[in-house]
Amino acid sequence: MKRLFDVVLAILLLMIGLLLMVVVWLLSAIATKSNGLFFQKRIGQFGKTFTIIKFRTMRSIALRDPVSGEYVNRAIIPPVCAALRKYKLDELPQLINIICGDMSFVGPRPDLPGYYDQLEGEERKILQLKPGVTCEASIKYADEENLLKKQKNPEQYNDEVIFPDKVKMNLEYYYKRSFFGDIKILFNTLFSFC
């Protein structure tokens, strides 16, 4: 039932939002001076890797280091891309991931290797779930990027506070998941943008 719902909704949204996706892709390509697409390996169901698709929102520029005087590459987020990220429009290509069966609309957000694939014991049950576009943890941490910027050691804060909380929430979802629960999460995601 969940798979059928995912595929039908993803195809409908692709058809309805095709023009929007083309506009977002063009904005992304121009702002990042690239092909506008971003591909990255993520951990999927059963710990298998898959390639997530997004619109690119960062570009690399060469800046002169004030101390050494040498040029170093720095990633920046152009203003138009910051807006795409804020409203999650950069995530639209994940509809393709859903149709291909790599993702679902609701499930734990797919993470980079080194996190979910390293879980042990009961927490590994999360890997039985198909990763999702949204979940309770992604709603709670919708502003994660800014939250991390405020920390003295963002990586440590993620590893010791945010990631364990996400694991706890996703394990709770594993035990309580239901079709109507997923619908509620989808509506909560939509309302979080209002």
N, C-alpha and C. Protein backbone atom coordinates (compact mmCIF):
# COMPACT_ATOMS: atom_id res chain seq x y z
N MET A 1 0.82 -1.20 0.00
CA MET A 1 0.00 0.00 0.00
C MET A 1 0.87 1.27 0.00
N LYS A 2 1.91 1.26 0.87
CA LYS A 2 2.78 2.43 0.98
C LYS A 2 3.51 2.68 -0.34
N ARG A 3 4.03 1.61 -0.93
CA ARG A 3 4.77 1.75 -2.20
C ARG A 3 3.86 2.29 -3.30
N LEU A 4 2.65 1.77 -3.40
CA LEU A 4 1.71 2.24 -4.41
C LEU A 4 1.39 3.72 -4.19
N PHE A 5 1.15 4.10 -2.94
CA PHE A 5 0.89 5.50 -2.60
C PHE A 5 2.07 6.38 -3.02
N ASP A 6 3.28 5.94 -2.69
CA ASP A 6 4.49 6.70 -3.03
C ASP A 6 4.61 6.93 -4.53
N VAL A 7 4.46 5.86 -5.30
CA VAL A 7 4.64 5.95 -6.75
C VAL A 7 3.57 6.83 -7.39
N VAL A 8 2.31 6.61 -7.01
CA VAL A 8 1.21 7.40 -7.60
C VAL A 8 1.37 8.87 -7.25
N LEU A 9 1.65 9.18 -5.98
CA LEU A 9 1.80 10.58 -5.57
C LEU A 9 3.02 11.22 -6.23
N ALA A 10 4.11 10.48 -6.33
CA ALA A 10 5.33 11.03 -6.96
C ALA A 10 5.09 11.35 -8.43
N ILE A 11 4.41 10.45 -9.14
CA ILE A 11 4.12 10.69 -10.56
C ILE A 11 3.19 11.89 -10.71
N LEU A 12 2.17 11.98 -9.87
CA LEU A 12 1.24 13.12 -9.92
C LEU A 12 1.99 14.44 -9.66
N LEU A 13 2.83 14.45 -8.63
CA LEU A 13 3.57 15.67 -8.30
C LEU A 13 4.56 16.04 -9.40
N LEU A 14 5.15 15.03 -10.03
CA LEU A 14 6.06 15.30 -11.16
C LEU A 14 5.30 15.95 -12.31
N MET A 15 4.12 15.43 -12.61
CA MET A 15 3.34 15.99 -13.72
C MET A 15 2.87 17.41 -13.39
N ILE A 16 2.37 17.60 -12.16
CA ILE A 16 1.87 18.92 -11.76
C ILE A 16 3.02 19.93 -11.63
N GLY A 17 4.14 19.47 -11.08
CA GLY A 17 5.23 20.40 -10.77
C GLY A 17 6.35 20.45 -11.78
N LEU A 18 6.13 19.90 -12.97
CA LEU A 18 7.20 19.85 -13.96
C LEU A 18 7.72 21.24 -14.32
N LEU A 19 6.82 22.18 -14.54
CA LEU A 19 7.23 23.54 -14.89
C LEU A 19 8.03 24.17 -13.75
N LEU A 20 7.55 24.00 -12.52
CA LEU A 20 8.27 24.51 -11.36
C LEU A 20 9.67 23.90 -11.28
N MET A 21 9.77 22.60 -11.53
CA MET A 21 11.07 21.93 -11.47
C MET A 21 12.02 22.48 -12.53
N VAL A 22 11.51 22.77 -13.72
CA VAL A 22 12.35 23.34 -14.77
C VAL A 22 12.86 24.71 -14.36
N VAL A 23 11.98 25.52 -13.77
CA VAL A 23 12.38 26.86 -13.31
C VAL A 23 13.44 26.76 -12.21
N VAL A 24 13.21 25.88 -11.24
CA VAL A 24 14.16 25.71 -10.14
C VAL A 24 15.49 25.19 -10.68
N TRP A 25 15.44 24.26 -11.61
CA TRP A 25 16.67 23.74 -12.22
C TRP A 25 17.45 24.86 -12.92
N LEU A 26 16.75 25.72 -13.68
CA LEU A 26 17.43 26.83 -14.36
C LEU A 26 18.03 27.81 -13.36
N LEU A 27 17.28 28.16 -12.31
CA LEU A 27 17.81 29.05 -11.28
C LEU A 27 19.05 28.45 -10.62
N SER A 28 18.96 27.17 -10.32
CA SER A 28 20.09 26.47 -9.70
C SER A 28 21.31 26.45 -10.63
N ALA A 29 21.09 26.13 -11.89
CA ALA A 29 22.20 26.06 -12.85
C ALA A 29 22.87 27.43 -13.02
N ILE A 30 22.08 28.48 -13.12
CA ILE A 30 22.64 29.82 -13.30
C ILE A 30 23.38 30.27 -12.04
N ALA A 31 22.75 30.10 -10.88
CA ALA A 31 23.34 30.57 -9.62
C ALA A 31 24.60 29.82 -9.23
N THR A 32 24.65 28.53 -9.55
CA THR A 32 25.82 27.73 -9.15
C THR A 32 26.83 27.54 -10.29
N LYS A 33 26.48 28.09 -11.46
CA LYS A 33 27.35 27.96 -12.64
C LYS A 33 27.73 26.50 -12.88
N SER A 34 26.67 25.66 -12.90
CA SER A 34 26.87 24.22 -13.08
C SER A 34 25.71 23.67 -13.90
N ASN A 35 25.61 22.34 -13.95
CA ASN A 35 24.47 21.74 -14.64
C ASN A 35 23.20 21.79 -13.78
N GLY A 36 23.32 22.30 -12.55
CA GLY A 36 22.16 22.47 -11.69
C GLY A 36 21.73 21.25 -10.91
N LEU A 37 22.41 20.13 -11.12
CA LEU A 37 22.04 18.90 -10.41
C LEU A 37 23.14 18.48 -9.46
N PHE A 38 22.74 17.82 -8.38
CA PHE A 38 23.67 17.37 -7.35
C PHE A 38 23.38 15.90 -7.08
N PHE A 39 24.40 15.07 -7.17
CA PHE A 39 24.26 13.63 -6.93
C PHE A 39 25.20 13.27 -5.78
N GLN A 40 24.69 12.48 -4.84
CA GLN A 40 25.52 12.10 -3.69
C GLN A 40 25.12 10.72 -3.19
N LYS A 41 26.11 9.95 -2.77
CA LYS A 41 25.84 8.62 -2.21
C LYS A 41 25.28 8.77 -0.80
N ARG A 42 24.19 8.08 -0.54
CA ARG A 42 23.56 8.07 0.77
C ARG A 42 23.28 6.64 1.19
N ILE A 43 23.05 6.46 2.48
CA ILE A 43 22.73 5.14 3.00
C ILE A 43 21.22 4.91 2.87
N GLY A 44 20.86 3.82 2.23
CA GLY A 44 19.47 3.49 2.00
C GLY A 44 19.00 2.32 2.84
N GLN A 45 17.91 1.73 2.39
CA GLN A 45 17.31 0.60 3.09
C GLN A 45 18.30 -0.56 3.16
N PHE A 46 18.34 -1.21 4.30
CA PHE A 46 19.23 -2.34 4.57
C PHE A 46 20.70 -1.96 4.51
N GLY A 47 20.99 -0.66 4.63
CA GLY A 47 22.37 -0.19 4.64
C GLY A 47 23.02 -0.10 3.27
N LYS A 48 22.23 -0.33 2.21
CA LYS A 48 22.78 -0.25 0.85
C LYS A 48 22.85 1.22 0.43
N THR A 49 23.89 1.55 -0.31
CA THR A 49 24.02 2.93 -0.78
C THR A 49 23.18 3.15 -2.04
N PHE A 50 22.72 4.37 -2.20
CA PHE A 50 22.04 4.77 -3.42
C PHE A 50 22.44 6.22 -3.70
N THR A 51 22.12 6.69 -4.88
CA THR A 51 22.48 8.05 -5.26
C THR A 51 21.25 8.95 -5.14
N ILE A 52 21.35 9.91 -4.24
CA ILE A 52 20.26 10.86 -4.05
C ILE A 52 20.41 11.98 -5.09
N ILE A 53 19.29 12.50 -5.56
CA ILE A 53 19.30 13.57 -6.57
C ILE A 53 18.68 14.82 -5.96
N LYS A 54 19.39 15.93 -6.11
CA LYS A 54 18.89 17.23 -5.65
C LYS A 54 19.26 18.28 -6.68
N PHE A 55 18.68 19.46 -6.54
CA PHE A 55 19.17 20.59 -7.31
C PHE A 55 20.37 21.17 -6.56
N ARG A 56 21.40 21.51 -7.28
CA ARG A 56 22.62 22.03 -6.66
C ARG A 56 22.34 23.41 -6.08
N THR A 57 22.83 23.62 -4.85
CA THR A 57 22.61 24.92 -4.19
C THR A 57 23.92 25.55 -3.71
N MET A 58 25.03 24.89 -3.93
CA MET A 58 26.32 25.45 -3.52
C MET A 58 27.24 25.55 -4.72
N ARG A 59 28.10 26.54 -4.68
CA ARG A 59 29.13 26.61 -5.71
C ARG A 59 30.45 26.93 -5.05
N SER A 60 31.50 26.55 -5.70
CA SER A 60 32.84 26.75 -5.16
C SER A 60 33.46 28.00 -5.80
N ILE A 61 34.03 28.86 -4.95
CA ILE A 61 34.74 30.03 -5.46
C ILE A 61 36.12 30.08 -4.83
N ALA A 62 37.06 30.66 -5.55
CA ALA A 62 38.42 30.79 -5.04
C ALA A 62 38.54 32.11 -4.30
N LEU A 63 38.93 32.04 -3.03
CA LEU A 63 39.13 33.22 -2.20
C LEU A 63 40.57 33.25 -1.71
N ARG A 64 41.11 34.45 -1.61
CA ARG A 64 42.48 34.58 -1.11
C ARG A 64 42.48 34.50 0.40
N ASP A 65 43.31 33.60 0.92
CA ASP A 65 43.47 33.45 2.36
C ASP A 65 44.24 34.66 2.88
N PRO A 66 43.68 35.39 3.87
CA PRO A 66 44.33 36.60 4.36
C PRO A 66 45.68 36.34 5.02
N VAL A 67 45.90 35.15 5.54
CA VAL A 67 47.16 34.85 6.23
C VAL A 67 48.23 34.41 5.25
N SER A 68 47.91 33.39 4.44
CA SER A 68 48.92 32.83 3.53
C SER A 68 48.99 33.57 2.19
N GLY A 69 47.91 34.24 1.85
CA GLY A 69 47.88 34.91 0.54
C GLY A 69 47.54 33.98 -0.60
N GLU A 70 47.41 32.68 -0.30
CA GLU A 70 47.09 31.69 -1.34
C GLU A 70 45.58 31.64 -1.56
N TYR A 71 45.21 31.22 -2.76
CA TYR A 71 43.79 31.06 -3.07
C TYR A 71 43.32 29.68 -2.61
N VAL A 72 42.19 29.68 -1.95
CA VAL A 72 41.59 28.41 -1.50
C VAL A 72 40.15 28.37 -1.96
N ASN A 73 39.66 27.19 -2.25
CA ASN A 73 38.26 27.03 -2.67
C ASN A 73 37.34 27.04 -1.46
N ARG A 74 36.29 27.83 -1.55
CA ARG A 74 35.28 27.90 -0.49
C ARG A 74 33.91 27.66 -1.12
N ALA A 75 33.08 26.92 -0.41
CA ALA A 75 31.71 26.69 -0.88
C ALA A 75 30.83 27.83 -0.40
N ILE A 76 30.06 28.40 -1.30
CA ILE A 76 29.11 29.45 -0.94
C ILE A 76 27.72 29.04 -1.41
N ILE A 77 26.71 29.63 -0.76
CA ILE A 77 25.33 29.40 -1.16
C ILE A 77 24.79 30.73 -1.70
N PRO A 78 24.62 30.84 -3.02
CA PRO A 78 24.06 32.07 -3.58
C PRO A 78 22.68 32.36 -3.00
N PRO A 79 22.28 33.64 -2.89
CA PRO A 79 20.99 33.99 -2.26
C PRO A 79 19.78 33.25 -2.83
N VAL A 80 19.71 33.10 -4.14
CA VAL A 80 18.56 32.40 -4.73
C VAL A 80 18.55 30.93 -4.27
N CYS A 81 19.73 30.36 -4.12
CA CYS A 81 19.82 28.96 -3.67
C CYS A 81 19.47 28.83 -2.19
N ALA A 82 19.77 29.87 -1.41
CA ALA A 82 19.38 29.86 0.01
C ALA A 82 17.86 29.78 0.12
N ALA A 83 17.16 30.48 -0.77
CA ALA A 83 15.70 30.43 -0.79
C ALA A 83 15.22 29.03 -1.21
N LEU A 84 15.88 28.43 -2.19
CA LEU A 84 15.51 27.08 -2.61
C LEU A 84 15.66 26.10 -1.45
N ARG A 85 16.74 26.26 -0.68
CA ARG A 85 16.97 25.38 0.46
C ARG A 85 15.94 25.62 1.56
N LYS A 86 15.64 26.88 1.81
CA LYS A 86 14.69 27.23 2.88
C LYS A 86 13.33 26.57 2.64
N TYR A 87 12.88 26.60 1.40
CA TYR A 87 11.57 26.03 1.07
C TYR A 87 11.67 24.60 0.53
N LYS A 88 12.85 24.01 0.65
CA LYS A 88 13.10 22.60 0.28
C LYS A 88 12.84 22.32 -1.20
N LEU A 89 12.89 23.34 -2.04
CA LEU A 89 12.68 23.12 -3.47
C LEU A 89 13.85 22.37 -4.10
N ASP A 90 15.01 22.42 -3.46
CA ASP A 90 16.16 21.67 -3.96
C ASP A 90 15.95 20.16 -3.83
N GLU A 91 14.94 19.77 -3.06
CA GLU A 91 14.66 18.35 -2.82
C GLU A 91 13.72 17.74 -3.88
N LEU A 92 13.16 18.57 -4.74
CA LEU A 92 12.16 18.08 -5.71
C LEU A 92 12.63 16.88 -6.55
N PRO A 93 13.88 16.82 -6.99
CA PRO A 93 14.30 15.66 -7.79
C PRO A 93 14.22 14.33 -7.05
N GLN A 94 14.03 14.37 -5.73
CA GLN A 94 13.90 13.12 -5.00
C GLN A 94 12.61 12.38 -5.35
N LEU A 95 11.71 13.06 -6.07
CA LEU A 95 10.54 12.35 -6.60
C LEU A 95 10.99 11.22 -7.51
N ILE A 96 12.10 11.44 -8.21
CA ILE A 96 12.66 10.39 -9.08
C ILE A 96 13.19 9.25 -8.22
N ASN A 97 13.87 9.59 -7.10
CA ASN A 97 14.33 8.55 -6.18
C ASN A 97 13.17 7.71 -5.66
N ILE A 98 12.02 8.36 -5.43
CA ILE A 98 10.85 7.63 -4.93
C ILE A 98 10.32 6.68 -6.01
N ILE A 99 10.20 7.18 -7.22
CA ILE A 99 9.70 6.34 -8.33
C ILE A 99 10.63 5.15 -8.57
N CYS A 100 11.94 5.39 -8.44
CA CYS A 100 12.92 4.31 -8.65
C CYS A 100 12.93 3.30 -7.50
N GLY A 101 12.30 3.64 -6.37
CA GLY A 101 12.23 2.72 -5.25
C GLY A 101 13.33 2.89 -4.22
N ASP A 102 14.17 3.91 -4.38
CA ASP A 102 15.24 4.15 -3.40
C ASP A 102 14.73 4.84 -2.15
N MET A 103 13.64 5.61 -2.29
CA MET A 103 13.12 6.40 -1.19
C MET A 103 11.61 6.28 -1.11
N SER A 104 11.07 6.78 -0.01
CA SER A 104 9.64 6.88 0.22
C SER A 104 9.35 8.34 0.56
N PHE A 105 8.09 8.73 0.61
CA PHE A 105 7.78 10.08 1.05
C PHE A 105 8.10 10.24 2.53
N VAL A 106 7.79 9.21 3.33
CA VAL A 106 8.02 9.30 4.77
C VAL A 106 8.95 8.17 5.21
N GLY A 107 9.97 8.56 5.95
CA GLY A 107 10.95 7.62 6.47
C GLY A 107 12.16 8.42 6.95
N PRO A 108 13.09 7.78 7.60
CA PRO A 108 14.28 8.51 8.08
C PRO A 108 15.01 9.17 6.91
N ARG A 109 15.43 10.40 7.10
CA ARG A 109 16.19 11.08 6.04
C ARG A 109 17.47 10.29 5.77
N PRO A 110 17.80 10.07 4.49
CA PRO A 110 19.01 9.30 4.19
C PRO A 110 20.25 10.12 4.54
N ASP A 111 21.17 9.49 5.23
CA ASP A 111 22.37 10.19 5.68
C ASP A 111 23.59 9.72 4.90
N LEU A 112 24.66 10.45 5.09
CA LEU A 112 25.94 10.09 4.47
C LEU A 112 26.48 8.82 5.12
N PRO A 113 27.32 8.08 4.41
CA PRO A 113 27.98 6.94 5.05
C PRO A 113 28.72 7.39 6.31
N GLY A 114 28.70 6.53 7.33
CA GLY A 114 29.38 6.85 8.57
C GLY A 114 28.42 7.17 9.70
N TYR A 115 27.13 7.17 9.41
CA TYR A 115 26.14 7.43 10.46
C TYR A 115 25.19 6.25 10.61
N TYR A 116 24.12 6.21 9.82
CA TYR A 116 23.15 5.13 9.98
C TYR A 116 23.76 3.76 9.74
N ASP A 117 24.70 3.67 8.82
CA ASP A 117 25.30 2.37 8.55
C ASP A 117 26.19 1.89 9.71
N GLN A 118 26.50 2.77 10.66
CA GLN A 118 27.33 2.41 11.80
C GLN A 118 26.50 2.08 13.06
N LEU A 119 25.19 2.16 12.94
CA LEU A 119 24.33 1.87 14.10
C LEU A 119 24.50 0.42 14.55
N GLU A 120 24.27 0.20 15.84
CA GLU A 120 24.40 -1.14 16.39
C GLU A 120 23.16 -1.52 17.18
N GLY A 121 23.02 -2.81 17.42
CA GLY A 121 21.93 -3.31 18.26
C GLY A 121 20.56 -2.99 17.71
N GLU A 122 19.66 -2.64 18.61
CA GLU A 122 18.27 -2.36 18.24
C GLU A 122 18.16 -1.21 17.24
N GLU A 123 19.09 -0.24 17.33
CA GLU A 123 19.04 0.93 16.46
C GLU A 123 19.18 0.57 14.99
N ARG A 124 19.76 -0.58 14.70
CA ARG A 124 19.92 -1.01 13.29
C ARG A 124 18.58 -1.32 12.63
N LYS A 125 17.54 -1.44 13.41
CA LYS A 125 16.20 -1.66 12.84
C LYS A 125 15.81 -0.51 11.93
N ILE A 126 16.36 0.66 12.19
CA ILE A 126 16.07 1.83 11.34
C ILE A 126 16.45 1.54 9.89
N LEU A 127 17.49 0.73 9.70
CA LEU A 127 17.95 0.41 8.34
C LEU A 127 16.96 -0.46 7.58
N GLN A 128 15.99 -1.04 8.27
CA GLN A 128 14.96 -1.81 7.58
C GLN A 128 13.95 -0.89 6.87
N LEU A 129 13.97 0.37 7.28
CA LEU A 129 13.04 1.35 6.69
C LEU A 129 13.62 1.96 5.42
N LYS A 130 12.75 2.24 4.48
CA LYS A 130 13.18 2.97 3.29
C LYS A 130 13.36 4.43 3.69
N PRO A 131 14.47 5.06 3.29
CA PRO A 131 14.64 6.47 3.65
C PRO A 131 13.55 7.33 3.03
N GLY A 132 13.27 8.45 3.68
CA GLY A 132 12.17 9.29 3.22
C GLY A 132 12.57 10.72 2.92
N VAL A 133 11.66 11.40 2.25
CA VAL A 133 11.82 12.82 1.97
C VAL A 133 11.60 13.61 3.25
N THR A 134 10.70 13.10 4.11
CA THR A 134 10.41 13.78 5.37
C THR A 134 10.15 12.76 6.47
N CYS A 135 10.25 13.25 7.71
CA CYS A 135 9.97 12.45 8.89
C CYS A 135 9.84 13.42 10.06
N GLU A 136 9.46 12.90 11.22
CA GLU A 136 9.33 13.76 12.40
C GLU A 136 10.65 14.45 12.72
N ALA A 137 11.75 13.74 12.58
CA ALA A 137 13.07 14.32 12.89
C ALA A 137 13.42 15.45 11.92
N SER A 138 13.06 15.30 10.65
CA SER A 138 13.38 16.37 9.69
C SER A 138 12.51 17.59 9.92
N ILE A 139 11.30 17.40 10.46
CA ILE A 139 10.45 18.54 10.81
C ILE A 139 11.06 19.26 12.02
N LYS A 140 11.44 18.49 13.03
CA LYS A 140 12.04 19.07 14.24
C LYS A 140 13.32 19.83 13.91
N TYR A 141 14.13 19.27 13.02
CA TYR A 141 15.42 19.88 12.69
C TYR A 141 15.40 20.54 11.31
N ALA A 142 14.28 21.15 10.96
CA ALA A 142 14.16 21.82 9.66
C ALA A 142 15.19 22.93 9.50
N ASP A 143 15.59 23.54 10.61
CA ASP A 143 16.56 24.64 10.59
C ASP A 143 17.92 24.16 11.11
N GLU A 144 18.24 22.90 10.84
CA GLU A 144 19.47 22.29 11.36
C GLU A 144 20.73 23.04 10.95
N GLU A 145 20.76 23.50 9.72
CA GLU A 145 21.94 24.21 9.21
C GLU A 145 22.26 25.43 10.07
N ASN A 146 21.25 26.24 10.37
CA ASN A 146 21.46 27.43 11.21
C ASN A 146 21.75 27.05 12.66
N LEU A 147 21.12 26.00 13.13
CA LEU A 147 21.39 25.52 14.49
C LEU A 147 22.86 25.13 14.64
N LEU A 148 23.39 24.44 13.64
CA LEU A 148 24.79 24.02 13.68
C LEU A 148 25.75 25.21 13.58
N LYS A 149 25.36 26.23 12.82
CA LYS A 149 26.22 27.42 12.68
C LYS A 149 26.43 28.12 14.01
N LYS A 150 25.48 27.99 14.93
CA LYS A 150 25.57 28.66 16.22
C LYS A 150 26.46 27.92 17.22
N GLN A 151 26.88 26.71 16.86
CA GLN A 151 27.66 25.89 17.79
C GLN A 151 29.16 26.14 17.62
N LYS A 152 29.89 26.04 18.74
CA LYS A 152 31.35 26.20 18.69
C LYS A 152 31.98 25.07 17.88
N ASN A 153 31.43 23.86 18.07
CA ASN A 153 31.93 22.70 17.34
C ASN A 153 30.73 22.00 16.70
N PRO A 154 30.34 22.44 15.48
CA PRO A 154 29.13 21.90 14.84
C PRO A 154 29.14 20.38 14.66
N GLU A 155 30.28 19.83 14.27
CA GLU A 155 30.34 18.38 14.03
C GLU A 155 30.11 17.61 15.32
N GLN A 156 30.73 18.07 16.40
CA GLN A 156 30.56 17.42 17.70
C GLN A 156 29.11 17.53 18.17
N TYR A 157 28.51 18.71 17.98
CA TYR A 157 27.12 18.91 18.39
C TYR A 157 26.18 17.99 17.60
N ASN A 158 26.46 17.85 16.31
CA ASN A 158 25.66 16.93 15.49
C ASN A 158 25.80 15.50 15.99
N ASP A 159 27.05 15.08 16.22
CA ASP A 159 27.32 13.70 16.61
C ASP A 159 26.80 13.36 18.00
N GLU A 160 26.81 14.34 18.92
CA GLU A 160 26.45 14.06 20.31
C GLU A 160 25.02 14.45 20.68
N VAL A 161 24.40 15.37 19.92
CA VAL A 161 23.07 15.83 20.27
C VAL A 161 22.04 15.53 19.17
N ILE A 162 22.27 16.09 17.98
CA ILE A 162 21.26 15.98 16.92
C ILE A 162 21.11 14.55 16.41
N PHE A 163 22.21 13.91 16.01
CA PHE A 163 22.10 12.57 15.44
C PHE A 163 21.49 11.57 16.41
N PRO A 164 21.92 11.52 17.69
CA PRO A 164 21.27 10.58 18.61
C PRO A 164 19.77 10.84 18.78
N ASP A 165 19.37 12.12 18.76
CA ASP A 165 17.94 12.44 18.86
C ASP A 165 17.19 11.96 17.62
N LYS A 166 17.80 12.13 16.45
CA LYS A 166 17.18 11.64 15.21
C LYS A 166 17.03 10.12 15.26
N VAL A 167 18.05 9.44 15.74
CA VAL A 167 17.99 7.97 15.84
C VAL A 167 16.84 7.57 16.76
N LYS A 168 16.72 8.24 17.90
CA LYS A 168 15.64 7.95 18.84
C LYS A 168 14.27 8.15 18.18
N MET A 169 14.11 9.27 17.48
CA MET A 169 12.83 9.56 16.83
C MET A 169 12.53 8.57 15.70
N ASN A 170 13.56 8.20 14.94
CA ASN A 170 13.36 7.26 13.82
C ASN A 170 13.08 5.85 14.32
N LEU A 171 13.67 5.47 15.46
CA LEU A 171 13.38 4.17 16.03
C LEU A 171 11.93 4.14 16.55
N GLU A 172 11.50 5.25 17.11
CA GLU A 172 10.10 5.37 17.54
C GLU A 172 9.17 5.23 16.34
N TYR A 173 9.54 5.87 15.21
CA TYR A 173 8.74 5.75 13.98
C TYR A 173 8.71 4.28 13.53
N TYR A 174 9.83 3.58 13.61
CA TYR A 174 9.90 2.18 13.20
C TYR A 174 8.82 1.36 13.91
N TYR A 175 8.66 1.58 15.21
CA TYR A 175 7.70 0.79 15.98
C TYR A 175 6.26 1.26 15.82
N LYS A 176 6.05 2.53 15.54
CA LYS A 176 4.68 3.06 15.51
C LYS A 176 4.19 3.40 14.11
N ARG A 177 4.96 3.09 13.08
CA ARG A 177 4.59 3.54 11.73
C ARG A 177 3.27 2.94 11.27
N SER A 178 2.55 3.77 10.51
CA SER A 178 1.28 3.34 9.92
C SER A 178 1.00 4.24 8.73
N PHE A 179 0.10 3.82 7.88
CA PHE A 179 -0.25 4.62 6.71
C PHE A 179 -0.79 5.98 7.12
N PHE A 180 -1.72 5.99 8.10
CA PHE A 180 -2.31 7.26 8.53
C PHE A 180 -1.31 8.11 9.31
N GLY A 181 -0.38 7.45 9.97
CA GLY A 181 0.71 8.18 10.63
C GLY A 181 1.57 8.89 9.61
N ASP A 182 1.82 8.22 8.47
CA ASP A 182 2.59 8.84 7.39
C ASP A 182 1.86 10.05 6.80
N ILE A 183 0.54 9.93 6.64
CA ILE A 183 -0.26 11.05 6.12
C ILE A 183 -0.15 12.24 7.08
N LYS A 184 -0.21 11.96 8.36
CA LYS A 184 -0.08 13.02 9.37
C LYS A 184 1.28 13.70 9.26
N ILE A 185 2.34 12.93 9.09
CA ILE A 185 3.69 13.50 8.95
C ILE A 185 3.77 14.36 7.69
N LEU A 186 3.15 13.91 6.60
CA LEU A 186 3.16 14.71 5.37
C LEU A 186 2.45 16.05 5.59
N PHE A 187 1.30 16.02 6.26
CA PHE A 187 0.59 17.27 6.54
C PHE A 187 1.39 18.16 7.49
N ASN A 188 2.02 17.57 8.50
CA ASN A 188 2.85 18.35 9.42
C ASN A 188 4.02 19.00 8.69
N THR A 189 4.55 18.31 7.70
CA THR A 189 5.64 18.86 6.89
C THR A 189 5.15 20.07 6.11
N LEU A 190 3.99 19.93 5.47
CA LEU A 190 3.42 21.05 4.72
C LEU A 190 3.13 22.24 5.63
N PHE A 191 2.56 21.98 6.79
CA PHE A 191 2.22 23.06 7.71
C PHE A 191 3.46 23.73 8.30
N SER A 192 4.58 23.01 8.34
CA SER A 192 5.81 23.60 8.89
C SER A 192 6.34 24.73 8.02
N PHE A 193 5.88 24.80 6.76
CA PHE A 193 6.31 25.88 5.87
C PHE A 193 5.41 27.11 5.97
N CYS A 194 4.29 26.97 6.68
CA CYS A 194 3.34 28.09 6.82
C CYS A 194 3.73 29.03 7.95
